[in-house]
Amino acid sequence: MKGFLLSLTFLFHLMGSSQSPGLTIDVIMDTLKTQGHHYKIEMKICEPKKMTEKGSWFSHDTSTIDFASLKPADIICGEYFDKGMPELISGIEEEIPFNRFKFSNQVFAWEKIFVFKISDWSSRGRNPEMYIVIPMKYKSFRTHIDITDIEFLPGKVMFLTQPNALYDESKLTIRPSVKDMQTVEVKNFQWREILEQK
């Protein structure tokens, strides 16, 4: 009987999780170039005020929104946060590591705009922040974003409008290559006020 109840509980957990959209994000600085440095990575989630009708959450689609043409007034955002993982069952949060940001939650990622702010805590007040911006053009019920080997470029923005994207049977994986990627000065970026808002 006990085994039956455990199996039933596990089945309900699988059924519940299979019906929830999922977003997993892992952002990691370049380990060779960050030795001796502590970078704090924060994220905010934004979206256009006018989004496309979702339709079936389980279908694959590409957004027709021209994100590069949006103005700050066309976008709404939450606040930056640096705690991307939920608390442990004990209520004790895991220690937030420097040089890495992890996020996992029930978020339908399509047409969201993910903004990452990277601060140099090794020399606070000296270097301006760096930003990475990813508009999510591709539709998937489950999305995994994996950004690695980031070199800290103070005062610069990486605007990833065409990231490498791969669908498999269960999820969409985004693994943009950020090495040698062209950047824009924060002061010249069209969404500067969004980046600099808390």
N, C-alpha and C. Protein backbone atom coordinates (compact mmCIF):
# COMPACT_ATOMS: atom_id res chain seq x y z
N MET A 1 0.82 -1.20 0.00
CA MET A 1 0.00 0.00 0.00
C MET A 1 0.86 1.26 0.00
N LYS A 2 1.92 1.21 0.84
CA LYS A 2 2.81 2.37 0.91
C LYS A 2 3.47 2.61 -0.45
N GLY A 3 3.90 1.53 -1.10
CA GLY A 3 4.52 1.65 -2.43
C GLY A 3 3.56 2.22 -3.45
N PHE A 4 2.28 1.82 -3.36
CA PHE A 4 1.26 2.32 -4.27
C PHE A 4 1.07 3.83 -4.09
N LEU A 5 1.01 4.27 -2.82
CA LEU A 5 0.83 5.69 -2.54
C LEU A 5 2.03 6.51 -3.04
N LEU A 6 3.22 5.98 -2.85
CA LEU A 6 4.42 6.67 -3.36
C LEU A 6 4.39 6.78 -4.87
N SER A 7 4.00 5.69 -5.53
CA SER A 7 3.91 5.70 -7.00
C SER A 7 2.88 6.71 -7.48
N LEU A 8 1.73 6.74 -6.76
CA LEU A 8 0.67 7.67 -7.13
C LEU A 8 1.12 9.12 -6.95
N THR A 9 1.81 9.40 -5.86
CA THR A 9 2.34 10.75 -5.62
C THR A 9 3.32 11.15 -6.71
N PHE A 10 4.21 10.23 -7.09
CA PHE A 10 5.19 10.50 -8.14
C PHE A 10 4.49 10.77 -9.48
N LEU A 11 3.44 10.00 -9.77
CA LEU A 11 2.69 10.16 -11.01
C LEU A 11 2.03 11.53 -11.07
N PHE A 12 1.40 11.96 -9.96
CA PHE A 12 0.77 13.29 -9.93
C PHE A 12 1.82 14.39 -10.11
N HIS A 13 3.01 14.19 -9.52
CA HIS A 13 4.09 15.17 -9.68
C HIS A 13 4.50 15.28 -11.15
N LEU A 14 4.63 14.15 -11.80
CA LEU A 14 5.01 14.16 -13.23
C LEU A 14 3.92 14.82 -14.07
N MET A 15 2.66 14.50 -13.76
CA MET A 15 1.56 15.09 -14.53
C MET A 15 1.53 16.59 -14.35
N GLY A 16 1.74 17.05 -13.12
CA GLY A 16 1.72 18.48 -12.86
C GLY A 16 2.86 19.19 -13.54
N SER A 17 4.06 18.62 -13.45
CA SER A 17 5.23 19.29 -14.03
C SER A 17 5.19 19.24 -15.55
N SER A 18 4.53 18.19 -16.11
CA SER A 18 4.49 18.09 -17.57
C SER A 18 3.58 19.14 -18.17
N GLN A 19 2.68 19.74 -17.36
CA GLN A 19 1.77 20.75 -17.85
C GLN A 19 2.22 22.17 -17.54
N SER A 20 3.39 22.32 -16.95
CA SER A 20 3.90 23.64 -16.59
C SER A 20 5.03 24.03 -17.53
N PRO A 21 4.98 25.24 -18.09
CA PRO A 21 6.11 25.66 -18.92
C PRO A 21 7.36 25.77 -18.07
N GLY A 22 8.50 25.65 -18.69
CA GLY A 22 9.75 25.69 -17.93
C GLY A 22 10.81 26.53 -18.61
N LEU A 23 11.55 27.27 -17.79
CA LEU A 23 12.68 28.06 -18.27
C LEU A 23 13.86 27.80 -17.36
N THR A 24 14.98 27.41 -17.95
CA THR A 24 16.22 27.20 -17.20
C THR A 24 17.30 28.04 -17.84
N ILE A 25 18.03 28.79 -17.01
CA ILE A 25 19.08 29.68 -17.51
C ILE A 25 20.36 29.43 -16.72
N ASP A 26 21.47 29.37 -17.43
CA ASP A 26 22.78 29.24 -16.78
C ASP A 26 23.73 30.21 -17.48
N VAL A 27 24.24 31.19 -16.73
CA VAL A 27 25.13 32.22 -17.28
C VAL A 27 26.44 32.15 -16.52
N ILE A 28 27.55 31.95 -17.25
CA ILE A 28 28.84 31.72 -16.60
C ILE A 28 29.91 32.60 -17.25
N MET A 29 30.69 33.27 -16.42
CA MET A 29 31.80 34.07 -16.91
C MET A 29 32.92 33.16 -17.41
N ASP A 30 33.81 33.71 -18.22
CA ASP A 30 34.99 32.98 -18.70
C ASP A 30 35.89 32.66 -17.51
N THR A 31 36.09 31.38 -17.23
CA THR A 31 36.84 30.99 -16.02
C THR A 31 38.30 31.41 -16.08
N LEU A 32 38.89 31.45 -17.26
CA LEU A 32 40.30 31.84 -17.37
C LEU A 32 40.49 33.33 -17.14
N LYS A 33 39.55 34.13 -17.65
CA LYS A 33 39.69 35.58 -17.57
C LYS A 33 39.08 36.18 -16.30
N THR A 34 38.46 35.34 -15.47
CA THR A 34 37.85 35.87 -14.26
C THR A 34 38.64 35.50 -13.00
N GLN A 35 39.77 34.87 -13.16
CA GLN A 35 40.57 34.50 -11.99
C GLN A 35 40.91 35.75 -11.18
N GLY A 36 40.60 35.70 -9.88
CA GLY A 36 40.88 36.84 -9.01
C GLY A 36 39.83 37.93 -9.08
N HIS A 37 38.76 37.73 -9.86
CA HIS A 37 37.70 38.72 -9.98
C HIS A 37 36.39 38.13 -9.50
N HIS A 38 35.54 38.99 -8.95
CA HIS A 38 34.22 38.58 -8.51
C HIS A 38 33.19 39.40 -9.27
N TYR A 39 32.45 38.72 -10.16
CA TYR A 39 31.41 39.38 -10.94
C TYR A 39 30.04 38.92 -10.44
N LYS A 40 29.18 39.89 -10.18
CA LYS A 40 27.81 39.58 -9.78
C LYS A 40 26.92 39.68 -11.01
N ILE A 41 26.11 38.65 -11.23
CA ILE A 41 25.22 38.61 -12.39
C ILE A 41 23.78 38.68 -11.89
N GLU A 42 23.03 39.64 -12.42
CA GLU A 42 21.62 39.80 -12.08
C GLU A 42 20.80 39.73 -13.37
N MET A 43 19.52 39.40 -13.22
CA MET A 43 18.65 39.29 -14.38
C MET A 43 17.34 40.01 -14.13
N LYS A 44 16.78 40.59 -15.18
CA LYS A 44 15.40 41.07 -15.15
C LYS A 44 14.69 40.50 -16.36
N ILE A 45 13.38 40.31 -16.23
CA ILE A 45 12.57 39.77 -17.32
C ILE A 45 11.64 40.88 -17.81
N CYS A 46 11.72 41.16 -19.10
CA CYS A 46 10.88 42.18 -19.73
C CYS A 46 10.03 41.53 -20.81
N GLU A 47 9.08 42.30 -21.32
CA GLU A 47 8.28 41.84 -22.46
C GLU A 47 7.68 43.03 -23.16
N PRO A 48 7.42 42.88 -24.47
CA PRO A 48 6.73 43.96 -25.18
C PRO A 48 5.32 44.14 -24.63
N LYS A 49 4.83 45.37 -24.64
CA LYS A 49 3.45 45.61 -24.20
C LYS A 49 2.44 44.94 -25.12
N LYS A 50 2.78 44.85 -26.40
CA LYS A 50 1.92 44.18 -27.38
C LYS A 50 2.61 42.89 -27.80
N MET A 51 2.11 41.77 -27.28
CA MET A 51 2.69 40.47 -27.61
C MET A 51 1.75 39.71 -28.54
N THR A 52 2.30 38.69 -29.19
CA THR A 52 1.52 37.85 -30.09
C THR A 52 0.63 36.92 -29.29
N GLU A 53 -0.54 36.62 -29.83
CA GLU A 53 -1.42 35.64 -29.19
C GLU A 53 -0.68 34.31 -29.08
N LYS A 54 -0.71 33.70 -27.89
CA LYS A 54 0.09 32.49 -27.65
C LYS A 54 -0.33 31.31 -28.52
N GLY A 55 -1.65 31.12 -28.70
CA GLY A 55 -2.10 29.93 -29.40
C GLY A 55 -1.74 28.71 -28.57
N SER A 56 -1.35 27.64 -29.24
CA SER A 56 -0.94 26.43 -28.53
C SER A 56 0.43 26.64 -27.92
N TRP A 57 0.55 26.43 -26.61
CA TRP A 57 1.83 26.58 -25.92
C TRP A 57 2.82 25.52 -26.37
N PHE A 58 2.32 24.40 -26.90
CA PHE A 58 3.18 23.28 -27.24
C PHE A 58 3.72 23.33 -28.67
N SER A 59 3.24 24.29 -29.47
CA SER A 59 3.71 24.39 -30.85
C SER A 59 5.01 25.20 -30.91
N HIS A 60 5.73 25.04 -32.01
CA HIS A 60 6.94 25.84 -32.24
C HIS A 60 6.59 26.95 -33.22
N ASP A 61 7.15 28.13 -32.96
CA ASP A 61 6.84 29.27 -33.81
C ASP A 61 7.97 30.27 -33.67
N THR A 62 8.04 31.22 -34.59
CA THR A 62 9.01 32.30 -34.52
C THR A 62 8.25 33.62 -34.47
N SER A 63 8.59 34.46 -33.50
CA SER A 63 7.89 35.73 -33.33
C SER A 63 8.11 36.64 -34.53
N THR A 64 7.07 37.39 -34.86
CA THR A 64 7.17 38.37 -35.94
C THR A 64 7.52 39.76 -35.39
N ILE A 65 7.67 39.88 -34.09
CA ILE A 65 8.03 41.17 -33.49
C ILE A 65 9.46 41.55 -33.89
N ASP A 66 9.65 42.76 -34.35
CA ASP A 66 10.99 43.27 -34.63
C ASP A 66 11.51 43.92 -33.34
N PHE A 67 12.17 43.12 -32.52
CA PHE A 67 12.59 43.60 -31.20
C PHE A 67 13.52 44.80 -31.30
N ALA A 68 14.38 44.82 -32.30
CA ALA A 68 15.35 45.91 -32.43
C ALA A 68 14.67 47.26 -32.67
N SER A 69 13.44 47.24 -33.18
CA SER A 69 12.75 48.50 -33.47
C SER A 69 11.91 48.99 -32.29
N LEU A 70 11.80 48.18 -31.24
CA LEU A 70 10.99 48.60 -30.08
C LEU A 70 11.66 49.75 -29.34
N LYS A 71 10.83 50.62 -28.82
CA LYS A 71 11.32 51.73 -27.99
C LYS A 71 11.11 51.36 -26.52
N PRO A 72 11.84 51.99 -25.61
CA PRO A 72 11.64 51.69 -24.18
C PRO A 72 10.18 51.80 -23.74
N ALA A 73 9.43 52.73 -24.31
CA ALA A 73 8.02 52.89 -23.94
C ALA A 73 7.16 51.70 -24.38
N ASP A 74 7.69 50.87 -25.29
CA ASP A 74 6.95 49.70 -25.78
C ASP A 74 7.19 48.47 -24.92
N ILE A 75 8.01 48.59 -23.88
CA ILE A 75 8.48 47.42 -23.11
C ILE A 75 8.18 47.63 -21.63
N ILE A 76 7.75 46.56 -20.96
CA ILE A 76 7.58 46.60 -19.51
C ILE A 76 8.54 45.56 -18.88
N CYS A 77 9.05 45.90 -17.71
CA CYS A 77 10.06 45.05 -17.07
C CYS A 77 9.78 44.88 -15.59
N GLY A 78 10.26 43.75 -15.07
CA GLY A 78 10.35 43.56 -13.64
C GLY A 78 11.66 44.16 -13.15
N GLU A 79 11.98 43.90 -11.89
CA GLU A 79 13.23 44.41 -11.32
C GLU A 79 14.34 43.36 -11.46
N TYR A 80 15.58 43.83 -11.34
CA TYR A 80 16.70 42.90 -11.34
C TYR A 80 16.66 42.04 -10.08
N PHE A 81 17.07 40.78 -10.24
CA PHE A 81 17.23 39.90 -9.09
C PHE A 81 18.46 39.02 -9.31
N ASP A 82 19.07 38.57 -8.20
CA ASP A 82 20.26 37.74 -8.33
C ASP A 82 20.06 36.35 -7.75
N LYS A 83 18.86 36.07 -7.25
CA LYS A 83 18.59 34.75 -6.69
C LYS A 83 17.65 34.02 -7.63
N GLY A 84 18.23 33.24 -8.50
CA GLY A 84 17.42 32.60 -9.53
C GLY A 84 16.85 31.26 -9.15
N MET A 85 17.39 30.62 -8.09
CA MET A 85 16.93 29.30 -7.71
C MET A 85 16.03 29.41 -6.47
N PRO A 86 14.99 28.58 -6.40
CA PRO A 86 14.11 28.63 -5.23
C PRO A 86 14.83 28.17 -3.97
N GLU A 87 14.26 28.53 -2.82
CA GLU A 87 14.83 28.11 -1.56
C GLU A 87 14.78 26.60 -1.43
N LEU A 88 15.70 26.04 -0.67
CA LEU A 88 15.67 24.62 -0.37
C LEU A 88 14.47 24.32 0.51
N ILE A 89 14.12 23.04 0.62
CA ILE A 89 12.98 22.65 1.43
C ILE A 89 13.17 23.13 2.87
N SER A 90 14.40 23.17 3.33
CA SER A 90 14.68 23.60 4.69
C SER A 90 14.45 25.10 4.88
N GLY A 91 14.28 25.83 3.78
CA GLY A 91 14.11 27.28 3.86
C GLY A 91 15.43 28.02 3.81
N ILE A 92 16.53 27.29 3.72
CA ILE A 92 17.85 27.91 3.65
C ILE A 92 18.24 28.05 2.19
N GLU A 93 18.58 29.26 1.79
CA GLU A 93 18.96 29.48 0.40
C GLU A 93 20.39 29.02 0.16
N GLU A 94 20.62 28.52 -1.05
CA GLU A 94 21.98 28.18 -1.41
C GLU A 94 22.80 29.47 -1.54
N GLU A 95 24.08 29.36 -1.26
CA GLU A 95 24.95 30.52 -1.39
C GLU A 95 25.02 30.94 -2.85
N ILE A 96 24.91 32.24 -3.09
CA ILE A 96 24.94 32.74 -4.46
C ILE A 96 26.39 32.84 -4.91
N PRO A 97 26.80 32.08 -5.90
CA PRO A 97 28.20 32.16 -6.32
C PRO A 97 28.45 33.39 -7.16
N PHE A 98 29.65 33.90 -7.08
CA PHE A 98 30.06 34.94 -8.01
C PHE A 98 30.37 34.27 -9.35
N ASN A 99 30.36 35.08 -10.40
CA ASN A 99 30.75 34.65 -11.75
C ASN A 99 29.78 33.66 -12.39
N ARG A 100 28.61 33.45 -11.75
CA ARG A 100 27.63 32.53 -12.33
C ARG A 100 26.22 32.93 -11.86
N PHE A 101 25.25 32.74 -12.75
CA PHE A 101 23.85 32.98 -12.42
C PHE A 101 23.04 31.80 -12.92
N LYS A 102 22.21 31.23 -12.05
CA LYS A 102 21.35 30.11 -12.45
C LYS A 102 19.90 30.47 -12.12
N PHE A 103 19.03 30.10 -13.03
CA PHE A 103 17.60 30.37 -12.86
C PHE A 103 16.82 29.16 -13.35
N SER A 104 15.79 28.80 -12.62
CA SER A 104 14.90 27.72 -13.06
C SER A 104 13.52 27.98 -12.47
N ASN A 105 12.52 28.10 -13.35
CA ASN A 105 11.17 28.36 -12.86
C ASN A 105 10.15 28.10 -13.97
N GLN A 106 8.89 28.19 -13.59
CA GLN A 106 7.80 27.94 -14.54
C GLN A 106 7.47 29.23 -15.29
N VAL A 107 8.25 29.48 -16.32
CA VAL A 107 8.09 30.69 -17.13
C VAL A 107 7.95 30.28 -18.59
N PHE A 108 6.93 30.81 -19.26
CA PHE A 108 6.80 30.60 -20.71
C PHE A 108 7.64 31.67 -21.38
N ALA A 109 8.74 31.28 -21.99
CA ALA A 109 9.79 32.23 -22.38
C ALA A 109 9.51 33.00 -23.66
N TRP A 110 8.60 32.53 -24.48
CA TRP A 110 8.40 33.11 -25.80
C TRP A 110 8.07 34.60 -25.72
N GLU A 111 8.80 35.40 -26.50
CA GLU A 111 8.66 36.86 -26.61
C GLU A 111 9.04 37.61 -25.34
N LYS A 112 9.60 36.91 -24.37
CA LYS A 112 10.18 37.61 -23.23
C LYS A 112 11.53 38.20 -23.66
N ILE A 113 12.00 39.19 -22.92
CA ILE A 113 13.32 39.78 -23.15
C ILE A 113 14.10 39.61 -21.85
N PHE A 114 15.21 38.88 -21.93
CA PHE A 114 16.02 38.62 -20.75
C PHE A 114 17.21 39.58 -20.75
N VAL A 115 17.34 40.32 -19.65
CA VAL A 115 18.40 41.31 -19.51
C VAL A 115 19.30 40.88 -18.35
N PHE A 116 20.58 40.72 -18.63
CA PHE A 116 21.55 40.35 -17.61
C PHE A 116 22.48 41.53 -17.35
N LYS A 117 22.61 41.89 -16.08
CA LYS A 117 23.53 42.95 -15.68
C LYS A 117 24.70 42.32 -14.94
N ILE A 118 25.92 42.63 -15.39
CA ILE A 118 27.12 42.05 -14.79
C ILE A 118 27.93 43.18 -14.17
N SER A 119 28.18 43.06 -12.86
CA SER A 119 28.92 44.09 -12.11
C SER A 119 30.24 43.51 -11.61
N ASP A 120 31.28 44.32 -11.67
CA ASP A 120 32.60 43.91 -11.17
C ASP A 120 32.69 44.27 -9.69
N TRP A 121 32.52 43.28 -8.82
CA TRP A 121 32.59 43.51 -7.38
C TRP A 121 34.03 43.53 -6.88
N SER A 122 34.97 43.22 -7.75
CA SER A 122 36.38 43.30 -7.36
C SER A 122 36.85 44.74 -7.33
N SER A 123 36.19 45.60 -8.09
CA SER A 123 36.56 47.02 -8.12
C SER A 123 35.29 47.86 -8.21
N ARG A 124 34.42 47.74 -7.21
CA ARG A 124 33.14 48.45 -7.23
C ARG A 124 33.36 49.95 -7.31
N GLY A 125 32.56 50.59 -8.14
CA GLY A 125 32.66 52.03 -8.30
C GLY A 125 33.65 52.45 -9.35
N ARG A 126 34.43 51.51 -9.86
CA ARG A 126 35.43 51.86 -10.89
C ARG A 126 34.94 51.50 -12.29
N ASN A 127 34.42 50.30 -12.43
CA ASN A 127 33.99 49.84 -13.74
C ASN A 127 32.48 49.92 -13.89
N PRO A 128 32.00 50.49 -15.00
CA PRO A 128 30.55 50.46 -15.24
C PRO A 128 30.11 49.03 -15.56
N GLU A 129 28.82 48.77 -15.40
CA GLU A 129 28.29 47.44 -15.64
C GLU A 129 28.33 47.06 -17.12
N MET A 130 28.28 45.76 -17.34
CA MET A 130 28.13 45.19 -18.68
C MET A 130 26.74 44.56 -18.73
N TYR A 131 26.15 44.51 -19.94
CA TYR A 131 24.81 43.95 -20.09
C TYR A 131 24.77 42.96 -21.25
N ILE A 132 23.92 41.95 -21.09
CA ILE A 132 23.60 41.03 -22.18
C ILE A 132 22.08 41.02 -22.30
N VAL A 133 21.57 41.20 -23.52
CA VAL A 133 20.13 41.28 -23.77
C VAL A 133 19.76 40.21 -24.79
N ILE A 134 18.77 39.37 -24.42
CA ILE A 134 18.32 38.31 -25.33
C ILE A 134 16.81 38.39 -25.49
N PRO A 135 16.31 38.82 -26.65
CA PRO A 135 14.87 38.70 -26.94
C PRO A 135 14.58 37.26 -27.39
N MET A 136 13.55 36.66 -26.82
CA MET A 136 13.24 35.27 -27.12
C MET A 136 12.25 35.20 -28.28
N LYS A 137 12.79 35.00 -29.48
CA LYS A 137 11.98 34.97 -30.69
C LYS A 137 11.34 33.61 -30.94
N TYR A 138 11.91 32.55 -30.34
CA TYR A 138 11.49 31.20 -30.68
C TYR A 138 10.58 30.63 -29.60
N LYS A 139 9.51 30.00 -30.03
CA LYS A 139 8.48 29.50 -29.12
C LYS A 139 8.74 28.04 -28.74
N SER A 140 8.69 27.78 -27.45
CA SER A 140 8.81 26.42 -26.95
C SER A 140 8.22 26.36 -25.55
N PHE A 141 7.61 25.23 -25.22
CA PHE A 141 7.02 25.07 -23.90
C PHE A 141 8.11 25.03 -22.83
N ARG A 142 9.24 24.44 -23.19
CA ARG A 142 10.39 24.40 -22.28
C ARG A 142 11.60 24.99 -22.99
N THR A 143 12.30 25.89 -22.31
CA THR A 143 13.43 26.60 -22.90
C THR A 143 14.63 26.55 -21.96
N HIS A 144 15.79 26.29 -22.54
CA HIS A 144 17.04 26.30 -21.77
C HIS A 144 18.00 27.28 -22.45
N ILE A 145 18.50 28.25 -21.67
CA ILE A 145 19.46 29.24 -22.18
C ILE A 145 20.78 29.02 -21.45
N ASP A 146 21.83 28.85 -22.22
CA ASP A 146 23.14 28.53 -21.66
C ASP A 146 24.17 29.48 -22.27
N ILE A 147 24.65 30.46 -21.47
CA ILE A 147 25.62 31.43 -21.96
C ILE A 147 26.91 31.23 -21.17
N THR A 148 27.99 30.91 -21.86
CA THR A 148 29.25 30.63 -21.18
C THR A 148 30.39 31.47 -21.76
N ASP A 149 31.53 31.43 -21.08
CA ASP A 149 32.76 32.08 -21.55
C ASP A 149 32.58 33.58 -21.77
N ILE A 150 31.91 34.24 -20.83
CA ILE A 150 31.67 35.68 -20.96
C ILE A 150 32.89 36.44 -20.45
N GLU A 151 33.43 37.29 -21.28
CA GLU A 151 34.51 38.19 -20.86
C GLU A 151 33.88 39.51 -20.43
N PHE A 152 34.28 40.01 -19.27
CA PHE A 152 33.69 41.25 -18.77
C PHE A 152 34.17 42.43 -19.60
N LEU A 153 33.20 43.15 -20.19
CA LEU A 153 33.48 44.32 -21.02
C LEU A 153 32.71 45.51 -20.43
N PRO A 154 33.36 46.29 -19.55
CA PRO A 154 32.63 47.36 -18.85
C PRO A 154 32.03 48.39 -19.81
N GLY A 155 30.79 48.78 -19.50
CA GLY A 155 30.10 49.80 -20.29
C GLY A 155 29.63 49.33 -21.64
N LYS A 156 29.57 48.02 -21.86
CA LYS A 156 29.17 47.47 -23.17
C LYS A 156 27.88 46.66 -23.05
N VAL A 157 27.19 46.54 -24.17
CA VAL A 157 25.97 45.74 -24.28
C VAL A 157 26.13 44.73 -25.40
N MET A 158 25.81 43.48 -25.14
CA MET A 158 25.67 42.45 -26.17
C MET A 158 24.18 42.26 -26.42
N PHE A 159 23.75 42.55 -27.64
CA PHE A 159 22.33 42.42 -28.00
C PHE A 159 22.20 41.19 -28.89
N LEU A 160 21.74 40.07 -28.31
CA LEU A 160 21.74 38.79 -29.01
C LEU A 160 20.40 38.56 -29.70
N THR A 161 20.27 39.12 -30.89
CA THR A 161 19.00 39.00 -31.62
C THR A 161 18.94 37.73 -32.47
N GLN A 162 20.07 37.12 -32.75
CA GLN A 162 20.10 35.90 -33.56
C GLN A 162 20.92 34.82 -32.85
N PRO A 163 20.52 34.38 -31.66
CA PRO A 163 21.31 33.37 -30.96
C PRO A 163 21.15 32.00 -31.60
N ASN A 164 22.16 31.14 -31.40
CA ASN A 164 22.06 29.77 -31.88
C ASN A 164 20.94 29.07 -31.12
N ALA A 165 20.00 28.48 -31.86
CA ALA A 165 18.84 27.83 -31.23
C ALA A 165 18.66 26.45 -31.83
N LEU A 166 18.36 25.48 -30.97
CA LEU A 166 18.18 24.10 -31.41
C LEU A 166 16.97 23.50 -30.71
N TYR A 167 16.00 23.02 -31.51
CA TYR A 167 14.86 22.31 -30.96
C TYR A 167 15.20 20.83 -30.88
N ASP A 168 14.85 20.19 -29.77
CA ASP A 168 14.80 18.75 -29.76
C ASP A 168 13.37 18.37 -29.42
N GLU A 169 13.11 17.11 -29.09
CA GLU A 169 11.73 16.68 -28.89
C GLU A 169 11.05 17.39 -27.72
N SER A 170 11.80 17.73 -26.68
CA SER A 170 11.16 18.22 -25.47
C SER A 170 11.43 19.69 -25.16
N LYS A 171 12.46 20.30 -25.77
CA LYS A 171 12.76 21.68 -25.38
C LYS A 171 13.54 22.41 -26.47
N LEU A 172 13.65 23.72 -26.24
CA LEU A 172 14.47 24.58 -27.09
C LEU A 172 15.72 24.94 -26.29
N THR A 173 16.87 24.77 -26.91
CA THR A 173 18.13 25.12 -26.25
C THR A 173 18.78 26.27 -27.00
N ILE A 174 19.12 27.33 -26.25
CA ILE A 174 19.79 28.50 -26.81
C ILE A 174 21.20 28.52 -26.24
N ARG A 175 22.20 28.44 -27.11
CA ARG A 175 23.59 28.49 -26.67
C ARG A 175 24.34 29.51 -27.53
N PRO A 176 24.16 30.78 -27.22
CA PRO A 176 24.84 31.79 -28.05
C PRO A 176 26.35 31.78 -27.81
N SER A 177 27.08 31.96 -28.87
CA SER A 177 28.53 32.12 -28.75
C SER A 177 28.82 33.60 -28.56
N VAL A 178 29.36 33.96 -27.40
CA VAL A 178 29.58 35.38 -27.12
C VAL A 178 31.05 35.79 -27.27
N LYS A 179 31.90 34.85 -27.62
CA LYS A 179 33.30 35.21 -27.83
C LYS A 179 33.42 36.07 -29.08
N ASP A 180 34.12 37.17 -28.95
CA ASP A 180 34.36 38.09 -30.07
C ASP A 180 33.07 38.67 -30.65
N MET A 181 32.00 38.69 -29.86
CA MET A 181 30.74 39.24 -30.36
C MET A 181 30.81 40.77 -30.35
N GLN A 182 30.21 41.38 -31.35
CA GLN A 182 30.17 42.84 -31.41
C GLN A 182 29.33 43.37 -30.26
N THR A 183 29.76 44.49 -29.72
CA THR A 183 29.05 45.12 -28.61
C THR A 183 28.70 46.56 -28.96
N VAL A 184 27.84 47.13 -28.14
CA VAL A 184 27.42 48.52 -28.29
C VAL A 184 27.71 49.21 -26.97
N GLU A 185 28.10 50.48 -27.03
CA GLU A 185 28.27 51.26 -25.80
C GLU A 185 26.90 51.43 -25.14
N VAL A 186 26.84 51.28 -23.83
CA VAL A 186 25.57 51.44 -23.11
C VAL A 186 24.93 52.78 -23.44
N LYS A 187 25.74 53.84 -23.50
CA LYS A 187 25.19 55.18 -23.74
C LYS A 187 24.55 55.30 -25.12
N ASN A 188 24.89 54.40 -26.05
CA ASN A 188 24.33 54.45 -27.40
C ASN A 188 23.24 53.40 -27.63
N PHE A 189 22.96 52.57 -26.62
CA PHE A 189 21.99 51.49 -26.79
C PHE A 189 20.57 52.04 -26.70
N GLN A 190 19.68 51.58 -27.60
CA GLN A 190 18.33 52.14 -27.67
C GLN A 190 17.49 51.89 -26.42
N TRP A 191 17.84 50.89 -25.63
CA TRP A 191 17.08 50.61 -24.41
C TRP A 191 17.89 50.97 -23.16
N ARG A 192 18.72 51.97 -23.25
CA ARG A 192 19.59 52.32 -22.13
C ARG A 192 18.81 52.52 -20.82
N GLU A 193 17.68 53.21 -20.91
CA GLU A 193 16.93 53.50 -19.68
C GLU A 193 16.37 52.22 -19.05
N ILE A 194 16.07 51.22 -19.87
CA ILE A 194 15.62 49.94 -19.33
C ILE A 194 16.77 49.23 -18.63
N LEU A 195 17.95 49.26 -19.23
CA LEU A 195 19.12 48.62 -18.61
C LEU A 195 19.41 49.23 -17.24
N GLU A 196 19.33 50.54 -17.16
CA GLU A 196 19.78 51.23 -15.96
C GLU A 196 18.71 51.35 -14.88
N GLN A 197 17.46 50.97 -15.20
CA GLN A 197 16.43 50.93 -14.17
C GLN A 197 16.70 49.74 -13.25
N LYS A 198 16.37 49.89 -11.97
CA LYS A 198 16.57 48.79 -11.01
C LYS A 198 15.60 47.65 -11.28
